[in-house]
PDB file of N, CA and C in Angstrom:
ATOM      1  N   MET A   1      13.459 -32.617   9.241  1.00  0.00           N
ATOM      2  CA  MET A   1      14.052 -31.119   9.922  1.00  0.00           C
ATOM      3  C   MET A   1      13.418 -30.400   8.785  1.00  0.00           C
ATOM      4  N   SER A   2      13.444 -29.307   9.481  1.00  0.00           N
ATOM      5  CA  SER A   2      12.996 -27.914   8.333  1.00  0.00           C
ATOM      6  C   SER A   2      14.092 -27.292   7.854  1.00  0.00           C
ATOM      7  N   SER A   3      13.737 -26.975   6.554  1.00  0.00           N
ATOM      8  CA  SER A   3      15.288 -25.932   6.169  1.00  0.00           C
ATOM      9  C   SER A   3      14.897 -24.763   6.427  1.00  0.00           C
ATOM     10  N   LEU A   4      13.937 -24.197   7.075  1.00  0.00           N
ATOM     11  CA  LEU A   4      13.490 -22.822   7.368  1.00  0.00           C
ATOM     12  C   LEU A   4      14.438 -22.751   8.421  1.00  0.00           C
ATOM     13  N   PRO A   5      14.878 -21.329   8.385  1.00  0.00           N
ATOM     14  CA  PRO A   5      15.667 -21.049   9.182  1.00  0.00           C
ATOM     15  C   PRO A   5      15.238 -20.524  10.645  1.00  0.00           C
ATOM     16  N   THR A   6      15.604 -20.519  11.939  1.00  0.00           N
ATOM     17  CA  THR A   6      14.691 -20.351  13.282  1.00  0.00           C
ATOM     18  C   THR A   6      15.424 -18.800  13.511  1.00  0.00           C
ATOM     19  N   GLU A   7      14.589 -18.453  14.691  1.00  0.00           N
ATOM     20  CA  GLU A   7      15.335 -17.084  14.985  1.00  0.00           C
ATOM     21  C   GLU A   7      16.549 -17.136  15.660  1.00  0.00           C
ATOM     22  N   ALA A   8      16.918 -18.432  16.161  1.00  0.00           N
ATOM     23  CA  ALA A   8      18.122 -18.596  16.574  1.00  0.00           C
ATOM     24  C   ALA A   8      19.143 -18.351  15.460  1.00  0.00           C
ATOM     25  N   THR A   9      19.032 -19.396  14.518  1.00  0.00           N
ATOM     26  CA  THR A   9      19.996 -18.895  13.144  1.00  0.00           C
ATOM     27  C   THR A   9      19.958 -17.522  12.611  1.00  0.00           C
ATOM     28  N   THR A  10      18.583 -17.204  12.607  1.00  0.00           N
ATOM     29  CA  THR A  10      18.903 -16.053  11.846  1.00  0.00           C
ATOM     30  C   THR A  10      19.207 -14.788  12.938  1.00  0.00           C
ATOM     31  N   LEU A  11      19.426 -14.870  14.510  1.00  0.00           N
ATOM     32  CA  LEU A  11      19.810 -14.121  15.040  1.00  0.00           C
ATOM     33  C   LEU A  11      21.628 -14.395  14.923  1.00  0.00           C
ATOM     34  N   GLN A  12      21.641 -15.422  14.744  1.00  0.00           N
ATOM     35  CA  GLN A  12      23.546 -15.995  14.825  1.00  0.00           C
ATOM     36  C   GLN A  12      23.869 -15.070  13.481  1.00  0.00           C
ATOM     37  N   SER A  13      23.265 -15.244  12.520  1.00  0.00           N
ATOM     38  CA  SER A  13      23.563 -15.039  10.733  1.00  0.00           C
ATOM     39  C   SER A  13      24.021 -13.659  11.269  1.00  0.00           C
ATOM     40  N   LEU A  14      22.995 -12.462  11.741  1.00  0.00           N
ATOM     41  CA  LEU A  14      23.299 -11.198  11.809  1.00  0.00           C
ATOM     42  C   LEU A  14      23.947 -10.503  12.632  1.00  0.00           C
ATOM     43  N   GLY A  15      24.628 -11.705  13.940  1.00  0.00           N
ATOM     44  CA  GLY A  15      25.442 -11.058  14.982  1.00  0.00           C
ATOM     45  C   GLY A  15      24.466 -10.656  16.329  1.00  0.00           C
ATOM     46  N   LEU A  16      23.541 -11.315  16.086  1.00  0.00           N
ATOM     47  CA  LEU A  16      22.563 -10.127  17.075  1.00  0.00           C
ATOM     48  C   LEU A  16      22.039 -11.391  18.272  1.00  0.00           C
ATOM     49  N   THR A  17      23.120 -12.210  18.660  1.00  0.00           N
ATOM     50  CA  THR A  17      22.972 -13.094  20.111  1.00  0.00           C
ATOM     51  C   THR A  17      23.359 -12.921  21.073  1.00  0.00           C
ATOM     52  N   HIS A  18      24.122 -11.450  21.151  1.00  0.00           N
ATOM     53  CA  HIS A  18      24.820 -11.277  22.591  1.00  0.00           C
ATOM     54  C   HIS A  18      23.417  -9.744  22.826  1.00  0.00           C
ATOM     55  N   LEU A  19      22.704  -9.638  21.925  1.00  0.00           N
ATOM     56  CA  LEU A  19      21.967  -8.345  22.106  1.00  0.00           C
ATOM     57  C   LEU A  19      20.571  -8.709  22.997  1.00  0.00           C
ATOM     58  N   ASN A  20      20.310  -7.758  23.968  1.00  0.00           N
ATOM     59  CA  ASN A  20      19.041  -8.267  24.723  1.00  0.00           C
ATOM     60  C   ASN A  20      18.108  -7.482  23.802  1.00  0.00           C
ATOM     61  N   PRO A  21      16.568  -8.102  23.741  1.00  0.00           N
ATOM     62  CA  PRO A  21      15.152  -8.104  22.726  1.00  0.00           C
ATOM     63  C   PRO A  21      14.942  -6.696  22.313  1.00  0.00           C
ATOM     64  N   SER A  22      15.531  -5.985  23.619  1.00  0.00           N
ATOM     65  CA  SER A  22      15.370  -4.232  22.875  1.00  0.00           C
ATOM     66  C   SER A  22      16.108  -3.643  21.876  1.00  0.00           C
ATOM     67  N   GLN A  23      17.505  -3.958  22.386  1.00  0.00           N
ATOM     68  CA  GLN A  23      18.358  -3.873  21.372  1.00  0.00           C
ATOM     69  C   GLN A  23      18.523  -4.447  20.176  1.00  0.00           C
ATOM     70  N   ARG A  24      17.776  -5.437  20.043  1.00  0.00           N
ATOM     71  CA  ARG A  24      17.346  -6.496  18.731  1.00  0.00           C
ATOM     72  C   ARG A  24      16.885  -5.308  17.959  1.00  0.00           C
ATOM     73  N   LEU A  25      15.380  -5.109  18.719  1.00  0.00           N
ATOM     74  CA  LEU A  25      15.000  -4.060  18.049  1.00  0.00           C
ATOM     75  C   LEU A  25      14.710  -3.106  17.582  1.00  0.00           C
ATOM     76  N   GLU A  26      16.048  -2.306  18.116  1.00  0.00           N
ATOM     77  CA  GLU A  26      16.310  -0.963  17.990  1.00  0.00           C
ATOM     78  C   GLU A  26      17.543  -1.474  16.524  1.00  0.00           C
ATOM     79  N   ASN A  27      17.817  -2.362  16.614  1.00  0.00           N
ATOM     80  CA  ASN A  27      18.729  -2.682  15.958  1.00  0.00           C
ATOM     81  C   ASN A  27      18.113  -2.986  14.773  1.00  0.00           C
ATOM     82  N   THR A  28      17.122  -3.542  14.469  1.00  0.00           N
ATOM     83  CA  THR A  28      16.159  -4.184  13.521  1.00  0.00           C
ATOM     84  C   THR A  28      16.134  -2.717  12.939  1.00  0.00           C
ATOM     85  N   LEU A  29      14.992  -1.946  13.191  1.00  0.00           N
ATOM     86  CA  LEU A  29      14.394  -0.656  12.877  1.00  0.00           C
ATOM     87  C   LEU A  29      15.530   0.092  12.306  1.00  0.00           C
ATOM     88  N   ALA A  30      16.920   0.229  12.720  1.00  0.00           N
ATOM     89  CA  ALA A  30      17.663   1.207  12.333  1.00  0.00           C
ATOM     90  C   ALA A  30      17.913   0.177  10.982  1.00  0.00           C
ATOM     91  N   GLN A  31      17.880  -0.412  11.073  1.00  0.00           N
ATOM     92  CA  GLN A  31      18.545  -1.515   9.198  1.00  0.00           C
ATOM     93  C   GLN A  31      17.280  -0.645   8.534  1.00  0.00           C
ATOM     94  N   LEU A  32      16.184  -1.075   8.828  1.00  0.00           N
ATOM     95  CA  LEU A  32      14.844  -0.999   8.423  1.00  0.00           C
ATOM     96  C   LEU A  32      15.338   0.743   7.852  1.00  0.00           C
ATOM     97  N   ALA A  33      15.346   1.447   8.779  1.00  0.00           N
ATOM     98  CA  ALA A  33      15.411   3.081   7.795  1.00  0.00           C
ATOM     99  C   ALA A  33      16.426   3.003   7.170  1.00  0.00           C
ATOM    100  N   THR A  34      17.624   2.642   7.394  1.00  0.00           N
ATOM    101  CA  THR A  34      18.542   2.595   6.240  1.00  0.00           C
ATOM    102  C   THR A  34      18.113   2.325   5.002  1.00  0.00           C
ATOM    103  N   ALA A  35      17.626   1.145   5.141  1.00  0.00           N
ATOM    104  CA  ALA A  35      17.012   0.417   3.540  1.00  0.00           C
ATOM    105  C   ALA A  35      15.910   1.381   2.803  1.00  0.00           C
ATOM    106  N   ASN A  36      14.869   2.042   3.875  1.00  0.00           N
ATOM    107  CA  ASN A  36      13.945   2.543   3.441  1.00  0.00           C
ATOM    108  C   ASN A  36      14.461   3.998   2.558  1.00  0.00           C
ATOM    109  N   THR A  37      15.288   4.731   3.513  1.00  0.00           N
ATOM    110  CA  THR A  37      16.448   5.787   2.821  1.00  0.00           C
ATOM    111  C   THR A  37      16.658   5.758   1.435  1.00  0.00           C
ATOM    112  N   GLN A  38      17.397   4.220   1.410  1.00  0.00           N
ATOM    113  CA  GLN A  38      17.338   3.929   0.016  1.00  0.00           C
ATOM    114  C   GLN A  38      16.847   3.575  -1.106  1.00  0.00           C
ATOM    115  N   VAL A  39      15.577   3.451  -0.527  1.00  0.00           N
ATOM    116  CA  VAL A  39      14.022   3.327  -1.424  1.00  0.00           C
ATOM    117  C   VAL A  39      13.756   4.277  -1.891  1.00  0.00           C
ATOM    118  N   LYS A  40      13.514   5.132  -0.978  1.00  0.00           N
ATOM    119  CA  LYS A  40      13.271   6.848  -1.082  1.00  0.00           C
ATOM    120  C   LYS A  40      14.164   7.287  -1.985  1.00  0.00           C
ATOM    121  N   LYS A  41      15.798   7.452  -2.001  1.00  0.00           N
ATOM    122  CA  LYS A  41      16.251   7.907  -2.953  1.00  0.00           C
ATOM    123  C   LYS A  41      16.510   7.252  -4.562  1.00  0.00           C
ATOM    124  N   THR A  42      15.998   5.869  -4.694  1.00  0.00           N
ATOM    125  CA  THR A  42      15.554   5.424  -6.202  1.00  0.00           C
ATOM    126  C   THR A  42      14.423   5.731  -6.306  1.00  0.00           C
ATOM    127  N   ASP A  43      13.481   6.184  -5.706  1.00  0.00           N
ATOM    128  CA  ASP A  43      12.311   6.979  -5.890  1.00  0.00           C
ATOM    129  C   ASP A  43      12.044   7.881  -6.975  1.00  0.00           C
ATOM    130  N   THR A  44      12.926   9.182  -6.061  1.00  0.00           N
ATOM    131  CA  THR A  44      13.338  10.496  -6.620  1.00  0.00           C
ATOM    132  C   THR A  44      13.812  10.473  -7.489  1.00  0.00           C
ATOM    133  N   ASN A  45      13.801   9.421  -8.217  1.00  0.00           N
ATOM    134  CA  ASN A  45      14.487   9.210  -9.834  1.00  0.00           C
ATOM    135  C   ASN A  45      13.363   9.454 -10.540  1.00  0.00           C
ATOM    136  N   GLU A  46      12.550   8.367 -10.166  1.00  0.00           N
ATOM    137  CA  GLU A  46      11.696   8.495 -11.121  1.00  0.00           C
ATOM    138  C   GLU A  46      10.318   9.295 -11.107  1.00  0.00           C
ATOM    139  N   GLN A  47       9.908   9.760 -12.185  1.00  0.00           N
ATOM    140  CA  GLN A  47       8.755  10.510 -12.185  1.00  0.00           C
ATOM    141  C   GLN A  47       7.283  10.413 -11.511  1.00  0.00           C
ATOM    142  N   GLU A  48       6.991  11.042 -11.008  1.00  0.00           N
ATOM    143  CA  GLU A  48       5.613  11.009 -10.475  1.00  0.00           C
ATOM    144  C   GLU A  48       4.441  10.908 -11.675  1.00  0.00           C
ATOM    145  N   ILE A  49       3.643   9.807 -11.738  1.00  0.00           N
ATOM    146  CA  ILE A  49       2.511   9.676 -12.696  1.00  0.00           C
ATOM    147  C   ILE A  49       1.284  10.506 -12.024  1.00  0.00           C
ATOM    148  N   SER A  50       0.809  10.935 -12.543  1.00  0.00           N
ATOM    149  CA  SER A  50       0.022  12.076 -12.218  1.00  0.00           C
ATOM    150  C   SER A  50      -1.721  11.028 -12.679  1.00  0.00           C
ATOM    151  N   ALA A  51      -2.550  11.787 -11.976  1.00  0.00           N
ATOM    152  CA  ALA A  51      -3.606  11.142 -11.968  1.00  0.00           C
ATOM    153  C   ALA A  51      -4.490  11.231 -13.914  1.00  0.00           C
ATOM    154  N   GLU A  52      -4.464  12.244 -14.193  1.00  0.00           N
ATOM    155  CA  GLU A  52      -4.517  12.116 -15.772  1.00  0.00           C
ATOM    156  C   GLU A  52      -3.940  11.229 -16.724  1.00  0.00           C
ATOM    157  N   GLU A  53      -2.597  10.700 -16.471  1.00  0.00           N
ATOM    158  CA  GLU A  53      -1.574   9.510 -16.805  1.00  0.00           C
ATOM    159  C   GLU A  53      -2.715   8.135 -17.352  1.00  0.00           C
ATOM    160  N   LEU A  54      -3.158   8.096 -15.984  1.00  0.00           N
ATOM    161  CA  LEU A  54      -3.935   7.042 -15.889  1.00  0.00           C
ATOM    162  C   LEU A  54      -5.456   6.626 -16.493  1.00  0.00           C
ATOM    163  N   VAL A  55      -6.072   8.040 -16.129  1.00  0.00           N
ATOM    164  CA  VAL A  55      -7.613   7.851 -17.046  1.00  0.00           C
ATOM    165  C   VAL A  55      -7.303   7.001 -18.253  1.00  0.00           C
ATOM    166  N   LYS A  56      -6.743   7.228 -19.262  1.00  0.00           N
ATOM    167  CA  LYS A  56      -6.645   6.593 -20.590  1.00  0.00           C
ATOM    168  C   LYS A  56      -6.258   4.996 -20.361  1.00  0.00           C
ATOM    169  N   PRO A  57      -5.505   4.550 -19.807  1.00  0.00           N
ATOM    170  CA  PRO A  57      -5.216   3.302 -19.722  1.00  0.00           C
ATOM    171  C   PRO A  57      -6.058   2.372 -18.944  1.00  0.00           C
ATOM    172  N   ILE A  58      -7.083   3.329 -17.649  1.00  0.00           N
ATOM    173  CA  ILE A  58      -7.873   2.189 -17.174  1.00  0.00           C
ATOM    174  C   ILE A  58      -8.904   2.275 -18.476  1.00  0.00           C
ATOM    175  N   GLN A  59      -9.621   3.677 -18.782  1.00  0.00           N
ATOM    176  CA  GLN A  59     -10.603   3.446 -19.905  1.00  0.00           C
ATOM    177  C   GLN A  59     -10.190   2.013 -20.466  1.00  0.00           C
ATOM    178  N   ARG A  60      -8.808   1.735 -21.330  1.00  0.00           N
ATOM    179  CA  ARG A  60      -8.582   0.357 -22.151  1.00  0.00           C
ATOM    180  C   ARG A  60      -8.852  -0.554 -21.137  1.00  0.00           C
ATOM    181  N   ILE A  61      -8.486  -0.899 -20.166  1.00  0.00           N
ATOM    182  CA  ILE A  61      -8.603  -1.632 -19.463  1.00  0.00           C
ATOM    183  C   ILE A  61     -10.469  -1.975 -19.229  1.00  0.00           C
ATOM    184  N   ASN A  62     -10.336  -1.181 -18.861  1.00  0.00           N
ATOM    185  CA  ASN A  62     -12.468  -0.865 -18.550  1.00  0.00           C
ATOM    186  C   ASN A  62     -12.792  -1.987 -19.744  1.00  0.00           C
ATOM    187  N   GLU A  63     -12.561  -1.300 -20.895  1.00  0.00           N
ATOM    188  CA  GLU A  63     -13.349  -1.779 -21.915  1.00  0.00           C
ATOM    189  C   GLU A  63     -12.591  -3.334 -22.320  1.00  0.00           C
ATOM    190  N   THR A  64     -11.772  -3.846 -22.087  1.00  0.00           N
ATOM    191  CA  THR A  64     -11.228  -5.226 -22.019  1.00  0.00           C
ATOM    192  C   THR A  64     -12.022  -6.442 -21.429  1.00  0.00           C
ATOM    193  N   MET A  65     -12.112  -5.542 -19.943  1.00  0.00           N
ATOM    194  CA  MET A  65     -12.621  -6.326 -18.483  1.00  0.00           C
ATOM    195  C   MET A  65     -14.182  -6.345 -18.481  1.00  0.00           C
ATOM    196  N   ARG A  66     -14.476  -5.355 -18.920  1.00  0.00           N
ATOM    197  CA  ARG A  66     -16.129  -5.219 -18.352  1.00  0.00           C
ATOM    198  C   ARG A  66     -16.997  -6.270 -18.855  1.00  0.00           C
ATOM    199  N   PRO A  67     -16.743  -6.887 -20.233  1.00  0.00           N
ATOM    200  CA  PRO A  67     -17.389  -7.978 -20.408  1.00  0.00           C
ATOM    201  C   PRO A  67     -17.062  -9.092 -19.215  1.00  0.00           C
ATOM    202  N   ARG A  68     -16.145  -9.147 -18.937  1.00  0.00           N
ATOM    203  CA  ARG A  68     -15.747 -10.299 -17.738  1.00  0.00           C
ATOM    204  C   ARG A  68     -16.476  -9.854 -16.226  1.00  0.00           C
ATOM    205  N   GLY A  69     -16.669  -8.674 -16.216  1.00  0.00           N
ATOM    206  CA  GLY A  69     -17.461  -8.411 -14.854  1.00  0.00           C
ATOM    207  C   GLY A  69     -16.675  -7.540 -13.976  1.00  0.00           C
ATOM    208  N   LEU A  70     -15.610  -7.378 -14.556  1.00  0.00           N
ATOM    209  CA  LEU A  70     -14.720  -6.382 -13.268  1.00  0.00           C
ATOM    210  C   LEU A  70     -14.795  -4.918 -14.058  1.00  0.00           C
ATOM    211  N   GLU A  71     -14.600  -3.685 -13.393  1.00  0.00           N
ATOM    212  CA  GLU A  71     -15.133  -3.052 -13.790  1.00  0.00           C
ATOM    213  C   GLU A  71     -13.514  -1.936 -12.755  1.00  0.00           C
ATOM    214  N   PHE A  72     -12.774  -0.878 -13.086  1.00  0.00           N
ATOM    215  CA  PHE A  72     -11.667  -0.246 -12.280  1.00  0.00           C
ATOM    216  C   PHE A  72     -11.830   1.402 -12.525  1.00  0.00           C
ATOM    217  N   GLU A  73     -11.425   2.144 -11.772  1.00  0.00           N
ATOM    218  CA  GLU A  73     -12.137   3.589 -11.175  1.00  0.00           C
ATOM    219  C   GLU A  73     -11.273   4.108 -10.882  1.00  0.00           C
ATOM    220  N   LEU A  74     -10.741   5.577 -11.211  1.00  0.00           N
ATOM    221  CA  LEU A  74      -9.878   6.212 -10.349  1.00  0.00           C
ATOM    222  C   LEU A  74     -10.515   7.024  -9.843  1.00  0.00           C
ATOM    223  N   SER A  75     -10.220   7.181  -7.882  1.00  0.00           N
ATOM    224  CA  SER A  75     -11.324   8.107  -7.197  1.00  0.00           C
ATOM    225  C   SER A  75     -10.440   9.702  -7.459  1.00  0.00           C
ATOM    226  N   GLU A  76     -11.298  10.678  -7.739  1.00  0.00           N
ATOM    227  CA  GLU A  76     -10.830  11.775  -7.973  1.00  0.00           C
ATOM    228  C   GLU A  76     -10.342  12.282  -6.215  1.00  0.00           C
ATOM    229  N   GLU A  77     -10.812  11.864  -5.514  1.00  0.00           N
ATOM    230  CA  GLU A  77     -10.764  12.309  -4.075  1.00  0.00           C
ATOM    231  C   GLU A  77      -8.978  12.228  -3.528  1.00  0.00           C
ATOM    232  N   THR A  78      -8.514  10.731  -3.798  1.00  0.00           N
ATOM    233  CA  THR A  78      -7.695   9.966  -3.418  1.00  0.00           C
ATOM    234  C   THR A  78      -7.097   9.368  -4.249  1.00  0.00           C
ATOM    235  N   SER A  79      -7.361   9.647  -5.272  1.00  0.00           N
ATOM    236  CA  SER A  79      -6.282   8.757  -6.309  1.00  0.00           C
ATOM    237  C   SER A  79      -6.136   7.423  -6.519  1.00  0.00           C
ATOM    238  N   ARG A  80      -6.959   7.153  -5.880  1.00  0.00           N
ATOM    239  CA  ARG A  80      -6.979   5.568  -5.393  1.00  0.00           C
ATOM    240  C   ARG A  80      -7.606   4.963  -6.970  1.00  0.00           C
ATOM    241  N   VAL A  81      -7.205   3.655  -7.239  1.00  0.00           N
ATOM    242  CA  VAL A  81      -7.799   2.655  -8.042  1.00  0.00           C
ATOM    243  C   VAL A  81      -8.915   2.272  -7.466  1.00  0.00           C
ATOM    244  N   ILE A  82      -9.759   1.864  -7.658  1.00  0.00           N
ATOM    245  CA  ILE A  82     -10.900   1.033  -7.117  1.00  0.00           C
ATOM    246  C   ILE A  82     -11.523  -0.026  -8.042  1.00  0.00           C
ATOM    247  N   THR A  83     -11.502  -1.354  -7.883  1.00  0.00           N
ATOM    248  CA  THR A  83     -11.965  -2.252  -8.033  1.00  0.00           C
ATOM    249  C   THR A  83     -13.124  -2.636  -8.019  1.00  0.00           C
ATOM    250  N   ARG A  84     -14.129  -3.027  -8.893  1.00  0.00           N
ATOM    251  CA  ARG A  84     -15.619  -3.483  -8.986  1.00  0.00           C
ATOM    252  C   ARG A  84     -15.480  -4.730  -9.428  1.00  0.00           C
ATOM    253  N   VAL A  85     -16.388  -6.126  -9.109  1.00  0.00           N
ATOM    254  CA  VAL A  85     -16.781  -7.027  -9.705  1.00  0.00           C
ATOM    255  C   VAL A  85     -18.355  -6.939  -9.357  1.00  0.00           C
ATOM    256  N   VAL A  86     -18.537  -7.080 -10.993  1.00  0.00           N
ATOM    257  CA  VAL A  86     -19.906  -6.385 -11.212  1.00  0.00           C
ATOM    258  C   VAL A  86     -20.872  -7.686 -11.619  1.00  0.00           C
ATOM    259  N   ASP A  87     -21.630  -7.922 -11.171  1.00  0.00           N
ATOM    260  CA  ASP A  87     -22.656  -8.733 -12.104  1.00  0.00           C
ATOM    261  C   ASP A  87     -23.096  -8.348 -13.496  1.00  0.00           C
ATOM    262  N   ARG A  88     -22.781  -9.350 -14.616  1.00  0.00           N
ATOM    263  CA  ARG A  88     -22.931  -8.745 -15.643  1.00  0.00           C
ATOM    264  C   ARG A  88     -24.276  -8.771 -16.210  1.00  0.00           C
ATOM    265  N   GLU A  89     -25.157  -9.427 -15.362  1.00  0.00           N
ATOM    266  CA  GLU A  89     -26.639  -9.395 -16.221  1.00  0.00           C
ATOM    267  C   GLU A  89     -26.816  -8.062 -15.719  1.00  0.00           C
ATOM    268  N   SER A  90     -27.271  -8.000 -14.001  1.00  0.00           N
ATOM    269  CA  SER A  90     -28.003  -7.119 -13.642  1.00  0.00           C
ATOM    270  C   SER A  90     -27.281  -5.273 -13.246  1.00  0.00           C
ATOM    271  N   GLY A  91     -25.884  -5.956 -13.464  1.00  0.00           N
ATOM    272  CA  GLY A  91     -25.149  -4.387 -13.182  1.00  0.00           C
ATOM    273  C   GLY A  91     -24.812  -4.159 -11.833  1.00  0.00           C
ATOM    274  N   ASP A  92     -25.216  -4.957 -11.070  1.00  0.00           N
ATOM    275  CA  ASP A  92     -25.117  -4.855  -9.682  1.00  0.00           C
ATOM    276  C   ASP A  92     -23.548  -4.991  -9.101  1.00  0.00           C
ATOM    277  N   VAL A  93     -22.739  -4.328  -8.183  1.00  0.00           N
ATOM    278  CA  VAL A  93     -21.599  -4.580  -7.390  1.00  0.00           C
ATOM    279  C   VAL A  93     -21.631  -5.642  -6.466  1.00  0.00           C
ATOM    280  N   ILE A  94     -20.683  -6.414  -6.854  1.00  0.00           N
ATOM    281  CA  ILE A  94     -21.193  -7.736  -5.972  1.00  0.00           C
ATOM    282  C   ILE A  94     -19.796  -7.630  -5.016  1.00  0.00           C
ATOM    283  N   ARG A  95     -18.698  -7.032  -5.110  1.00  0.00           N
ATOM    284  CA  ARG A  95     -17.959  -6.506  -4.529  1.00  0.00           C
ATOM    285  C   ARG A  95     -16.852  -5.683  -4.658  1.00  0.00           C
ATOM    286  N   GLN A  96     -17.098  -4.700  -3.968  1.00  0.00           N
ATOM    287  CA  GLN A  96     -15.905  -3.223  -4.187  1.00  0.00           C
ATOM    288  C   GLN A  96     -14.371  -3.328  -3.153  1.00  0.00           C
ATOM    289  N   ILE A  97     -13.174  -3.172  -3.855  1.00  0.00           N
ATOM    290  CA  ILE A  97     -11.492  -3.385  -3.348  1.00  0.00           C
ATOM    291  C   ILE A  97     -11.319  -2.020  -3.710  1.00  0.00           C
ATOM    292  N   PRO A  98     -10.692  -1.292  -2.993  1.00  0.00           N
ATOM    293  CA  PRO A  98     -11.241  -1.012  -1.413  1.00  0.00           C
ATOM    294  C   PRO A  98     -12.821  -0.989  -1.273  1.00  0.00           C
ATOM    295  N   ALA A  99     -13.166  -0.987   0.121  1.00  0.00           N
ATOM    296  CA  ALA A  99     -14.774  -1.083  -0.132  1.00  0.00           C
ATOM    297  C   ALA A  99     -14.855  -0.063   0.392  1.00  0.00           C
ATOM    298  N   GLU A 100     -16.481   0.624   0.423  1.00  0.00           N
ATOM    299  CA  GLU A 100     -16.800   1.438   0.780  1.00  0.00           C
ATOM    300  C   GLU A 100     -16.427   1.994   2.321  1.00  0.00           C
ATOM    301  N   GLU A 101     -16.124   1.731   2.848  1.00  0.00           N
ATOM    302  CA  GLU A 101     -15.860   1.680   4.460  1.00  0.00           C
ATOM    303  C   GLU A 101     -14.684   2.172   4.542  1.00  0.00           C
ATOM    304  N   VAL A 102     -13.872   1.387   3.906  1.00  0.00           N
ATOM    305  CA  VAL A 102     -12.476   1.147   4.206  1.00  0.00           C
ATOM    306  C   VAL A 102     -11.854   2.749   3.466  1.00  0.00           C
ATOM    307  N   LEU A 103     -12.384   3.223   2.399  1.00  0.00           N
ATOM    308  CA  LEU A 103     -12.221   4.458   1.718  1.00  0.00           C
ATOM    309  C   LEU A 103     -12.695   5.718   2.626  1.00  0.00           C
ATOM    310  N   LYS A 104     -13.682   5.545   3.344  1.00  0.00           N
ATOM    311  CA  LYS A 104     -13.980   6.463   4.423  1.00  0.00           C
ATOM    312  C   LYS A 104     -13.246   6.652   5.550  1.00  0.00           C
ATOM    313  N   ILE A 105     -13.052   5.718   6.121  1.00  0.00           N
ATOM    314  CA  ILE A 105     -11.926   5.170   6.808  1.00  0.00           C
ATOM    315  C   ILE A 105     -10.086   6.192   6.731  1.00  0.00           C
ATOM    316  N   ALA A 106     -10.200   5.694   5.641  1.00  0.00           N
ATOM    317  CA  ALA A 106      -8.690   6.615   5.128  1.00  0.00           C
ATOM    318  C   ALA A 106      -9.116   7.846   4.639  1.00  0.00           C
ATOM    319  N   GLU A 107     -10.443   8.293   4.366  1.00  0.00           N
ATOM    320  CA  GLU A 107     -10.714   9.683   4.059  1.00  0.00           C
ATOM    321  C   GLU A 107     -10.445  10.572   5.665  1.00  0.00           C
ATOM    322  N   ARG A 108     -11.077  10.121   6.564  1.00  0.00           N
ATOM    323  CA  ARG A 108     -10.819  10.481   7.823  1.00  0.00           C
ATOM    324  C   ARG A 108     -10.076  10.343   8.410  1.00  0.00           C
ATOM    325  N   LEU A 109      -8.833   8.951   8.268  1.00  0.00           N
ATOM    326  CA  LEU A 109      -7.429   9.841   8.911  1.00  0.00           C
ATOM    327  C   LEU A 109      -6.658  10.683   8.244  1.00  0.00           C
ATOM    328  N   GLU A 110      -6.609  11.096   6.764  1.00  0.00           N
ATOM    329  CA  GLU A 110      -6.162  12.207   6.395  1.00  0.00           C
ATOM    330  C   GLU A 110      -6.934  13.186   7.125  1.00  0.00           C
ATOM    331  N   GLU A 111      -8.124  13.137   6.975  1.00  0.00           N
ATOM    332  CA  GLU A 111      -8.572  14.315   8.006  1.00  0.00           C
ATOM    333  C   GLU A 111      -7.812  14.971   9.001  1.00  0.00           C
ATOM    334  N   MET A 112      -7.835  13.779   9.876  1.00  0.00           N
ATOM    335  CA  MET A 112      -7.430  13.617  11.490  1.00  0.00           C
ATOM    336  C   MET A 112      -5.942  14.104  11.488  1.00  0.00           C
ATOM    337  N   GLN A 113      -5.234  13.451  10.436  1.00  0.00           N
ATOM    338  CA  GLN A 113      -3.432  13.590  10.410  1.00  0.00           C
ATOM    339  C   GLN A 113      -3.232  15.137  10.064  1.00  0.00           C
ATOM    340  N   GLY A 114      -4.138  15.648   9.555  1.00  0.00           N
ATOM    341  CA  GLY A 114      -4.030  17.467   8.597  1.00  0.00           C
ATOM    342  C   GLY A 114      -4.476  17.931  10.477  1.00  0.00           C
ATOM    343  N   ARG A 115      -5.345  17.755  11.310  1.00  0.00           N
ATOM    344  CA  ARG A 115      -5.599  18.257  12.492  1.00  0.00           C
ATOM    345  C   ARG A 115      -4.614  17.754  13.229  1.00  0.00           C
ATOM    346  N   ILE A 116      -3.670  17.046  13.481  1.00  0.00           N
ATOM    347  CA  ILE A 116      -3.019  16.429  14.171  1.00  0.00           C
ATOM    348  C   ILE A 116      -1.628  17.478  13.837  1.00  0.00           C
ATOM    349  N   ILE A 117      -1.188  17.466  12.982  1.00  0.00           N
ATOM    350  CA  ILE A 117      -0.123  18.392  12.669  1.00  0.00           C
ATOM    351  C   ILE A 117      -0.730  19.865  13.096  1.00  0.00           C
ATOM    352  N   SER A 118      -1.607  20.191  12.753  1.00  0.00           N
ATOM    353  CA  SER A 118      -1.853  21.853  12.889  1.00  0.00           C
ATOM    354  C   SER A 118      -2.046  21.880  14.283  1.00  0.00           C
ATOM    355  N   ILE A 119      -2.488  21.178  15.551  1.00  0.00           N
ATOM    356  CA  ILE A 119      -2.400  21.263  16.826  1.00  0.00           C
ATOM    357  C   ILE A 119      -1.088  21.152  17.079  1.00  0.00           C
ATOM    358  N   GLU A 120      -0.129  20.268  16.365  1.00  0.00           N
ATOM    359  CA  GLU A 120       1.547  20.483  17.093  1.00  0.00           C
ATOM    360  C   GLU A 120       1.805  21.415  16.981  1.00  0.00           C
ATOM    361  N   ALA A 121       1.701  21.896  15.712  1.00  0.00           N
ATOM    362  CA  ALA A 121       2.225  23.534  15.215  1.00  0.00           C
ATOM    363  C   ALA A 121       2.001  24.430  16.159  1.00  0.00           C
TER     364      ALA A 121
END
């Protein structure tokens, strides 16, 4: 017998057995929204880190990891950290995380988000 909680035991522990699926979903979303606002309150107390503050640590990491075939870069456009696995002999990029395609998709989504906001206003 498994010790993992089943959906029925989870619903019983949360007191959601009398609710229909739609009501359960609304209840869960409301709880998540409450938890999210609590997280945001703690985040506002912390200082935001600027891109300039990340450059030196990334350079130190690169000095250590480059001989092992790893490189890190801070994208200027999106302020995302890009990780590359590089062939030490040839210098060819074996893998990049996030991939170029993903970065382009994210860039397009940000552009579209700006247009959607302009259209709605």
